[in-house]
Amino acid sequence: MVDYLIVAFPHPSCGWVAVLPDFIGVTGRGADLEEAIERAVAGAQDVCIALASINKPLPQPGDLAHAQRDQRWAKEYGIDWASAIVRAVSVPDPSTLPRRRVAKRESKVVAWSRRVAQRETRVAATVYPPAAE
């Protein structure tokens, strides 16, 4: 696990926003502080998995002083350091995370065959009244 810096602050339109200075573009929004942090950490994990899959190194953790000196970054996200909450969060190593399997989509032929079979069983199960003579 690697500890990264996370900055959370209240958003003007209600709720919270959490950003990680080491992961450009990764943000988390939520109704409360914990939800925003969880979403930001999930985004950082996705970035780590993507980087590991293409054999790129993970970002090096920065420190608070470096984040506060970067006025451009703070202005871009609208961070007011007076109301911001700063924490360290652990992002697990991508090699230790369980691999997600993408659900395989069934082919059109299989889907058609399944629908035909369902239709045939419905027709076979239907009981028709005897015809009047």
N, C-alpha and C. Protein backbone atom coordinates (compact mmCIF):
# COMPACT_ATOMS: atom_id res chain seq x y z
N MET A 1 0.84 -1.18 0.00
CA MET A 1 0.00 0.00 0.00
C MET A 1 0.89 1.24 0.00
N VAL A 2 0.40 2.24 -0.72
CA VAL A 2 1.12 3.50 -0.80
C VAL A 2 0.20 4.58 -0.25
N ASP A 3 0.74 5.46 0.59
CA ASP A 3 -0.05 6.55 1.17
C ASP A 3 0.05 7.79 0.29
N TYR A 4 -1.11 8.26 -0.13
CA TYR A 4 -1.19 9.47 -0.94
C TYR A 4 -1.96 10.54 -0.18
N LEU A 5 -1.70 11.77 -0.54
CA LEU A 5 -2.36 12.92 0.06
C LEU A 5 -3.71 13.12 -0.62
N ILE A 6 -4.74 13.40 0.18
CA ILE A 6 -6.06 13.71 -0.37
C ILE A 6 -6.53 15.01 0.27
N VAL A 7 -7.10 15.88 -0.56
CA VAL A 7 -7.59 17.18 -0.10
C VAL A 7 -9.09 17.20 -0.35
N ALA A 8 -9.87 17.40 0.71
CA ALA A 8 -11.33 17.46 0.59
C ALA A 8 -11.80 18.83 1.04
N PHE A 9 -12.82 19.32 0.36
CA PHE A 9 -13.34 20.64 0.72
C PHE A 9 -14.83 20.69 0.39
N PRO A 10 -15.57 21.52 1.11
CA PRO A 10 -17.00 21.64 0.82
C PRO A 10 -17.20 22.36 -0.52
N HIS A 11 -18.13 21.83 -1.29
CA HIS A 11 -18.43 22.42 -2.59
C HIS A 11 -19.48 23.51 -2.40
N PRO A 12 -19.40 24.62 -3.14
CA PRO A 12 -20.37 25.70 -2.97
C PRO A 12 -21.83 25.28 -3.22
N SER A 13 -22.04 24.28 -4.07
CA SER A 13 -23.41 23.86 -4.35
C SER A 13 -23.82 22.67 -3.49
N CYS A 14 -23.31 22.60 -2.29
CA CYS A 14 -23.58 21.54 -1.32
C CYS A 14 -22.74 20.30 -1.62
N GLY A 15 -22.54 19.51 -0.64
CA GLY A 15 -21.75 18.30 -0.79
C GLY A 15 -20.26 18.57 -0.61
N TRP A 16 -19.47 17.56 -0.89
CA TRP A 16 -18.02 17.63 -0.73
C TRP A 16 -17.32 17.18 -2.00
N VAL A 17 -16.10 17.66 -2.17
CA VAL A 17 -15.24 17.25 -3.28
C VAL A 17 -13.92 16.81 -2.68
N ALA A 18 -13.38 15.70 -3.17
CA ALA A 18 -12.08 15.21 -2.72
C ALA A 18 -11.19 15.04 -3.95
N VAL A 19 -9.97 15.53 -3.87
CA VAL A 19 -9.02 15.43 -4.97
C VAL A 19 -7.69 14.90 -4.46
N LEU A 20 -6.98 14.22 -5.32
CA LEU A 20 -5.65 13.71 -5.01
C LEU A 20 -4.66 14.47 -5.88
N PRO A 21 -3.76 15.23 -5.30
CA PRO A 21 -2.81 16.01 -6.10
C PRO A 21 -1.89 15.16 -6.98
N ASP A 22 -1.67 13.92 -6.59
CA ASP A 22 -0.76 13.06 -7.35
C ASP A 22 -1.43 12.39 -8.54
N PHE A 23 -2.75 12.43 -8.58
CA PHE A 23 -3.51 11.82 -9.67
C PHE A 23 -4.29 12.92 -10.38
N ILE A 24 -3.76 13.38 -11.49
CA ILE A 24 -4.39 14.47 -12.23
C ILE A 24 -5.76 14.02 -12.74
N GLY A 25 -6.78 14.81 -12.44
CA GLY A 25 -8.11 14.54 -12.94
C GLY A 25 -8.94 13.61 -12.08
N VAL A 26 -8.39 13.01 -11.05
CA VAL A 26 -9.15 12.10 -10.20
C VAL A 26 -9.83 12.92 -9.10
N THR A 27 -11.14 12.89 -9.10
CA THR A 27 -11.91 13.59 -8.08
C THR A 27 -13.01 12.67 -7.58
N GLY A 28 -13.52 13.00 -6.43
CA GLY A 28 -14.65 12.28 -5.87
C GLY A 28 -15.63 13.29 -5.32
N ARG A 29 -16.88 13.15 -5.66
CA ARG A 29 -17.91 14.04 -5.13
C ARG A 29 -18.89 13.21 -4.34
N GLY A 30 -19.39 13.80 -3.26
CA GLY A 30 -20.34 13.07 -2.44
C GLY A 30 -21.16 13.98 -1.57
N ALA A 31 -22.21 13.42 -1.00
CA ALA A 31 -23.08 14.19 -0.11
C ALA A 31 -22.37 14.51 1.20
N ASP A 32 -21.46 13.61 1.62
CA ASP A 32 -20.69 13.88 2.83
C ASP A 32 -19.21 13.64 2.56
N LEU A 33 -18.40 13.97 3.52
CA LEU A 33 -16.94 13.92 3.37
C LEU A 33 -16.46 12.51 3.05
N GLU A 34 -16.93 11.52 3.80
CA GLU A 34 -16.46 10.15 3.62
C GLU A 34 -16.81 9.59 2.23
N GLU A 35 -17.99 9.91 1.75
CA GLU A 35 -18.41 9.44 0.42
C GLU A 35 -17.51 10.04 -0.66
N ALA A 36 -17.19 11.31 -0.54
CA ALA A 36 -16.32 11.95 -1.52
C ALA A 36 -14.93 11.32 -1.50
N ILE A 37 -14.42 11.04 -0.32
CA ILE A 37 -13.09 10.42 -0.20
C ILE A 37 -13.11 9.01 -0.79
N GLU A 38 -14.15 8.23 -0.48
CA GLU A 38 -14.24 6.87 -1.02
C GLU A 38 -14.26 6.88 -2.55
N ARG A 39 -14.99 7.80 -3.14
CA ARG A 39 -15.07 7.87 -4.60
C ARG A 39 -13.74 8.29 -5.21
N ALA A 40 -13.04 9.21 -4.56
CA ALA A 40 -11.74 9.64 -5.07
C ALA A 40 -10.72 8.50 -4.97
N VAL A 41 -10.74 7.76 -3.88
CA VAL A 41 -9.82 6.63 -3.72
C VAL A 41 -10.13 5.55 -4.76
N ALA A 42 -11.41 5.30 -5.03
CA ALA A 42 -11.79 4.33 -6.06
C ALA A 42 -11.27 4.76 -7.42
N GLY A 43 -11.35 6.06 -7.72
CA GLY A 43 -10.80 6.56 -8.98
C GLY A 43 -9.29 6.40 -9.06
N ALA A 44 -8.61 6.64 -7.93
CA ALA A 44 -7.16 6.46 -7.90
C ALA A 44 -6.79 4.99 -8.09
N GLN A 45 -7.57 4.08 -7.53
CA GLN A 45 -7.32 2.65 -7.72
C GLN A 45 -7.48 2.27 -9.18
N ASP A 46 -8.49 2.82 -9.84
CA ASP A 46 -8.69 2.54 -11.26
C ASP A 46 -7.51 3.03 -12.10
N VAL A 47 -6.98 4.19 -11.75
CA VAL A 47 -5.81 4.72 -12.47
C VAL A 47 -4.61 3.81 -12.23
N CYS A 48 -4.42 3.36 -10.99
CA CYS A 48 -3.30 2.47 -10.67
C CYS A 48 -3.40 1.16 -11.45
N ILE A 49 -4.60 0.61 -11.54
CA ILE A 49 -4.80 -0.64 -12.30
C ILE A 49 -4.48 -0.42 -13.77
N ALA A 50 -4.94 0.71 -14.32
CA ALA A 50 -4.67 1.01 -15.73
C ALA A 50 -3.17 1.19 -15.97
N LEU A 51 -2.49 1.89 -15.07
CA LEU A 51 -1.05 2.09 -15.22
C LEU A 51 -0.29 0.77 -15.12
N ALA A 52 -0.70 -0.08 -14.18
CA ALA A 52 -0.04 -1.38 -14.02
C ALA A 52 -0.25 -2.27 -15.24
N SER A 53 -1.43 -2.17 -15.87
CA SER A 53 -1.71 -3.02 -17.02
C SER A 53 -0.86 -2.66 -18.24
N ILE A 54 -0.37 -1.42 -18.30
CA ILE A 54 0.50 -1.02 -19.42
C ILE A 54 1.95 -0.84 -18.96
N ASN A 55 2.25 -1.41 -17.79
CA ASN A 55 3.61 -1.42 -17.24
C ASN A 55 4.21 -0.03 -17.05
N LYS A 56 3.38 0.90 -16.59
CA LYS A 56 3.85 2.25 -16.26
C LYS A 56 3.99 2.35 -14.75
N PRO A 57 4.92 3.16 -14.27
CA PRO A 57 5.07 3.30 -12.81
C PRO A 57 3.93 4.10 -12.20
N LEU A 58 3.63 3.81 -10.95
CA LEU A 58 2.61 4.56 -10.23
C LEU A 58 3.16 5.93 -9.86
N PRO A 59 2.29 6.93 -9.69
CA PRO A 59 2.78 8.26 -9.31
C PRO A 59 3.45 8.23 -7.94
N GLN A 60 4.47 9.04 -7.80
CA GLN A 60 5.16 9.14 -6.51
C GLN A 60 4.33 10.01 -5.58
N PRO A 61 4.17 9.61 -4.32
CA PRO A 61 3.38 10.43 -3.39
C PRO A 61 4.06 11.76 -3.11
N GLY A 62 3.29 12.83 -3.16
CA GLY A 62 3.80 14.16 -2.86
C GLY A 62 3.50 14.54 -1.42
N ASP A 63 3.96 15.70 -1.03
CA ASP A 63 3.70 16.15 0.34
C ASP A 63 2.80 17.39 0.32
N LEU A 64 2.32 17.76 1.48
CA LEU A 64 1.38 18.87 1.60
C LEU A 64 2.01 20.19 1.17
N ALA A 65 3.26 20.41 1.52
CA ALA A 65 3.92 21.67 1.17
C ALA A 65 3.97 21.86 -0.35
N HIS A 66 4.24 20.78 -1.07
CA HIS A 66 4.29 20.87 -2.53
C HIS A 66 2.90 21.18 -3.09
N ALA A 67 1.86 20.56 -2.54
CA ALA A 67 0.50 20.81 -3.02
C ALA A 67 0.08 22.25 -2.74
N GLN A 68 0.46 22.79 -1.59
CA GLN A 68 0.08 24.16 -1.25
C GLN A 68 0.84 25.18 -2.08
N ARG A 69 2.04 24.84 -2.52
CA ARG A 69 2.81 25.77 -3.36
C ARG A 69 2.28 25.81 -4.79
N ASP A 70 1.61 24.76 -5.21
CA ASP A 70 1.10 24.70 -6.57
C ASP A 70 -0.22 25.48 -6.66
N GLN A 71 -0.11 26.79 -6.83
CA GLN A 71 -1.28 27.67 -6.87
C GLN A 71 -2.18 27.38 -8.07
N ARG A 72 -1.57 27.00 -9.17
CA ARG A 72 -2.35 26.71 -10.38
C ARG A 72 -3.28 25.52 -10.16
N TRP A 73 -2.75 24.46 -9.54
CA TRP A 73 -3.56 23.28 -9.25
C TRP A 73 -4.68 23.62 -8.28
N ALA A 74 -4.37 24.35 -7.23
CA ALA A 74 -5.38 24.71 -6.23
C ALA A 74 -6.47 25.60 -6.85
N LYS A 75 -6.09 26.51 -7.71
CA LYS A 75 -7.06 27.39 -8.34
C LYS A 75 -7.94 26.61 -9.32
N GLU A 76 -7.35 25.65 -10.03
CA GLU A 76 -8.10 24.85 -10.99
C GLU A 76 -9.23 24.07 -10.33
N TYR A 77 -8.97 23.54 -9.13
CA TYR A 77 -9.99 22.78 -8.41
C TYR A 77 -10.80 23.64 -7.45
N GLY A 78 -10.44 24.89 -7.30
CA GLY A 78 -11.19 25.78 -6.42
C GLY A 78 -10.97 25.49 -4.94
N ILE A 79 -9.75 25.13 -4.58
CA ILE A 79 -9.45 24.76 -3.20
C ILE A 79 -9.21 26.00 -2.36
N ASP A 80 -9.96 26.11 -1.28
CA ASP A 80 -9.74 27.15 -0.28
C ASP A 80 -9.06 26.45 0.89
N TRP A 81 -7.76 26.70 1.07
CA TRP A 81 -6.99 25.98 2.07
C TRP A 81 -7.50 26.22 3.48
N ALA A 82 -8.23 27.32 3.69
CA ALA A 82 -8.75 27.60 5.04
C ALA A 82 -9.86 26.61 5.42
N SER A 83 -10.62 26.13 4.43
CA SER A 83 -11.72 25.20 4.74
C SER A 83 -11.43 23.77 4.28
N ALA A 84 -10.24 23.52 3.76
CA ALA A 84 -9.91 22.18 3.24
C ALA A 84 -9.51 21.24 4.37
N ILE A 85 -9.82 19.98 4.17
CA ILE A 85 -9.42 18.92 5.09
C ILE A 85 -8.41 18.06 4.35
N VAL A 86 -7.24 17.87 4.96
CA VAL A 86 -6.16 17.12 4.32
C VAL A 86 -5.95 15.82 5.10
N ARG A 87 -5.89 14.72 4.36
CA ARG A 87 -5.66 13.40 4.95
C ARG A 87 -4.69 12.62 4.09
N ALA A 88 -4.21 11.55 4.65
CA ALA A 88 -3.42 10.58 3.89
C ALA A 88 -4.29 9.34 3.73
N VAL A 89 -4.37 8.84 2.52
CA VAL A 89 -5.14 7.63 2.25
C VAL A 89 -4.22 6.58 1.64
N SER A 90 -4.50 5.34 1.93
CA SER A 90 -3.70 4.24 1.39
C SER A 90 -4.38 3.69 0.14
N VAL A 91 -3.62 3.63 -0.91
CA VAL A 91 -4.10 3.05 -2.15
C VAL A 91 -3.36 1.73 -2.32
N PRO A 92 -4.09 0.61 -2.40
CA PRO A 92 -3.42 -0.68 -2.50
C PRO A 92 -2.68 -0.85 -3.82
N ASP A 93 -1.64 -1.66 -3.77
CA ASP A 93 -0.86 -2.00 -4.95
C ASP A 93 -1.77 -2.76 -5.92
N PRO A 94 -1.79 -2.40 -7.20
CA PRO A 94 -2.70 -3.05 -8.16
C PRO A 94 -2.50 -4.57 -8.24
N SER A 95 -1.31 -5.05 -7.96
CA SER A 95 -1.08 -6.49 -8.06
C SER A 95 -1.80 -7.25 -6.94
N THR A 96 -2.17 -6.56 -5.85
CA THR A 96 -2.86 -7.22 -4.74
C THR A 96 -4.37 -7.14 -4.87
N LEU A 97 -4.87 -6.33 -5.80
CA LEU A 97 -6.32 -6.18 -5.98
C LEU A 97 -6.88 -7.35 -6.77
N PRO A 98 -8.11 -7.77 -6.45
CA PRO A 98 -8.72 -8.83 -7.26
C PRO A 98 -9.02 -8.32 -8.66
N ARG A 99 -8.81 -9.16 -9.63
CA ARG A 99 -9.06 -8.77 -11.01
C ARG A 99 -10.55 -8.80 -11.29
N ARG A 100 -11.00 -7.75 -11.96
CA ARG A 100 -12.40 -7.69 -12.33
C ARG A 100 -12.59 -8.37 -13.66
N ARG A 101 -13.62 -9.18 -13.74
CA ARG A 101 -13.92 -9.84 -15.00
C ARG A 101 -15.09 -9.11 -15.66
N VAL A 102 -14.91 -8.79 -16.89
CA VAL A 102 -15.97 -8.13 -17.63
C VAL A 102 -16.94 -9.20 -18.10
N ALA A 103 -18.20 -8.96 -17.86
CA ALA A 103 -19.21 -9.91 -18.27
C ALA A 103 -19.19 -10.05 -19.78
N LYS A 104 -19.10 -11.28 -20.24
CA LYS A 104 -19.04 -11.52 -21.67
C LYS A 104 -20.45 -11.40 -22.25
N ARG A 105 -20.54 -10.68 -23.32
CA ARG A 105 -21.82 -10.46 -23.97
C ARG A 105 -22.15 -11.66 -24.85
N GLU A 106 -23.41 -12.10 -24.80
CA GLU A 106 -23.77 -13.25 -25.61
C GLU A 106 -23.92 -12.83 -27.07
N SER A 107 -23.57 -13.75 -27.95
CA SER A 107 -23.63 -13.44 -29.37
C SER A 107 -25.08 -13.35 -29.83
N LYS A 108 -25.28 -12.78 -30.99
CA LYS A 108 -26.63 -12.63 -31.52
C LYS A 108 -27.26 -13.97 -31.83
N VAL A 109 -26.45 -14.93 -32.27
CA VAL A 109 -26.97 -16.26 -32.59
C VAL A 109 -27.46 -16.94 -31.31
N VAL A 110 -26.68 -16.84 -30.24
CA VAL A 110 -27.05 -17.45 -28.97
C VAL A 110 -28.32 -16.78 -28.43
N ALA A 111 -28.39 -15.46 -28.51
CA ALA A 111 -29.56 -14.74 -28.02
C ALA A 111 -30.80 -15.13 -28.82
N TRP A 112 -30.65 -15.24 -30.13
CA TRP A 112 -31.78 -15.63 -30.97
C TRP A 112 -32.23 -17.04 -30.63
N SER A 113 -31.28 -17.96 -30.46
CA SER A 113 -31.62 -19.35 -30.12
C SER A 113 -32.33 -19.43 -28.78
N ARG A 114 -31.89 -18.66 -27.83
CA ARG A 114 -32.51 -18.66 -26.51
C ARG A 114 -33.94 -18.15 -26.60
N ARG A 115 -34.17 -17.07 -27.35
CA ARG A 115 -35.52 -16.53 -27.50
C ARG A 115 -36.45 -17.51 -28.20
N VAL A 116 -35.95 -18.19 -29.23
CA VAL A 116 -36.76 -19.17 -29.95
C VAL A 116 -37.12 -20.32 -29.01
N ALA A 117 -36.18 -20.78 -28.22
CA ALA A 117 -36.44 -21.88 -27.29
C ALA A 117 -37.48 -21.47 -26.24
N GLN A 118 -37.38 -20.24 -25.76
CA GLN A 118 -38.35 -19.75 -24.78
C GLN A 118 -39.74 -19.67 -25.40
N ARG A 119 -39.80 -19.21 -26.64
CA ARG A 119 -41.08 -19.09 -27.34
C ARG A 119 -41.70 -20.48 -27.54
N GLU A 120 -40.89 -21.46 -27.91
CA GLU A 120 -41.39 -22.82 -28.14
C GLU A 120 -41.91 -23.44 -26.84
N THR A 121 -41.23 -23.20 -25.73
CA THR A 121 -41.70 -23.76 -24.46
C THR A 121 -42.99 -23.09 -24.02
N ARG A 122 -43.13 -21.79 -24.30
CA ARG A 122 -44.38 -21.11 -23.97
C ARG A 122 -45.53 -21.66 -24.79
N VAL A 123 -45.30 -21.90 -26.07
CA VAL A 123 -46.35 -22.41 -26.95
C VAL A 123 -46.72 -23.83 -26.53
N ALA A 124 -45.72 -24.64 -26.19
CA ALA A 124 -45.99 -26.02 -25.79
C ALA A 124 -46.73 -26.08 -24.47
N ALA A 125 -46.50 -25.13 -23.59
CA ALA A 125 -47.13 -25.13 -22.27
C ALA A 125 -48.54 -24.54 -22.32
N THR A 126 -48.88 -23.88 -23.41
CA THR A 126 -50.20 -23.27 -23.51
C THR A 126 -51.25 -24.35 -23.74
N VAL A 127 -52.31 -24.31 -22.93
CA VAL A 127 -53.40 -25.27 -23.07
C VAL A 127 -54.54 -24.56 -23.75
N TYR A 128 -54.94 -25.11 -24.87
CA TYR A 128 -56.03 -24.51 -25.61
C TYR A 128 -57.32 -25.28 -25.30
N PRO A 129 -58.44 -24.57 -25.19
CA PRO A 129 -59.70 -25.29 -24.96
C PRO A 129 -60.07 -26.08 -26.22
N PRO A 130 -60.80 -27.19 -26.02
CA PRO A 130 -61.19 -27.98 -27.19
C PRO A 130 -62.08 -27.17 -28.13
N ALA A 131 -61.94 -27.40 -29.38
CA ALA A 131 -62.72 -26.67 -30.39
C ALA A 131 -64.17 -27.15 -30.35
N ALA A 132 -65.07 -26.22 -30.47
CA ALA A 132 -66.50 -26.54 -30.48
C ALA A 132 -66.88 -27.03 -31.87
N GLU A 133 -67.69 -28.06 -31.91
CA GLU A 133 -68.10 -28.60 -33.20
C GLU A 133 -69.44 -28.15 -33.62
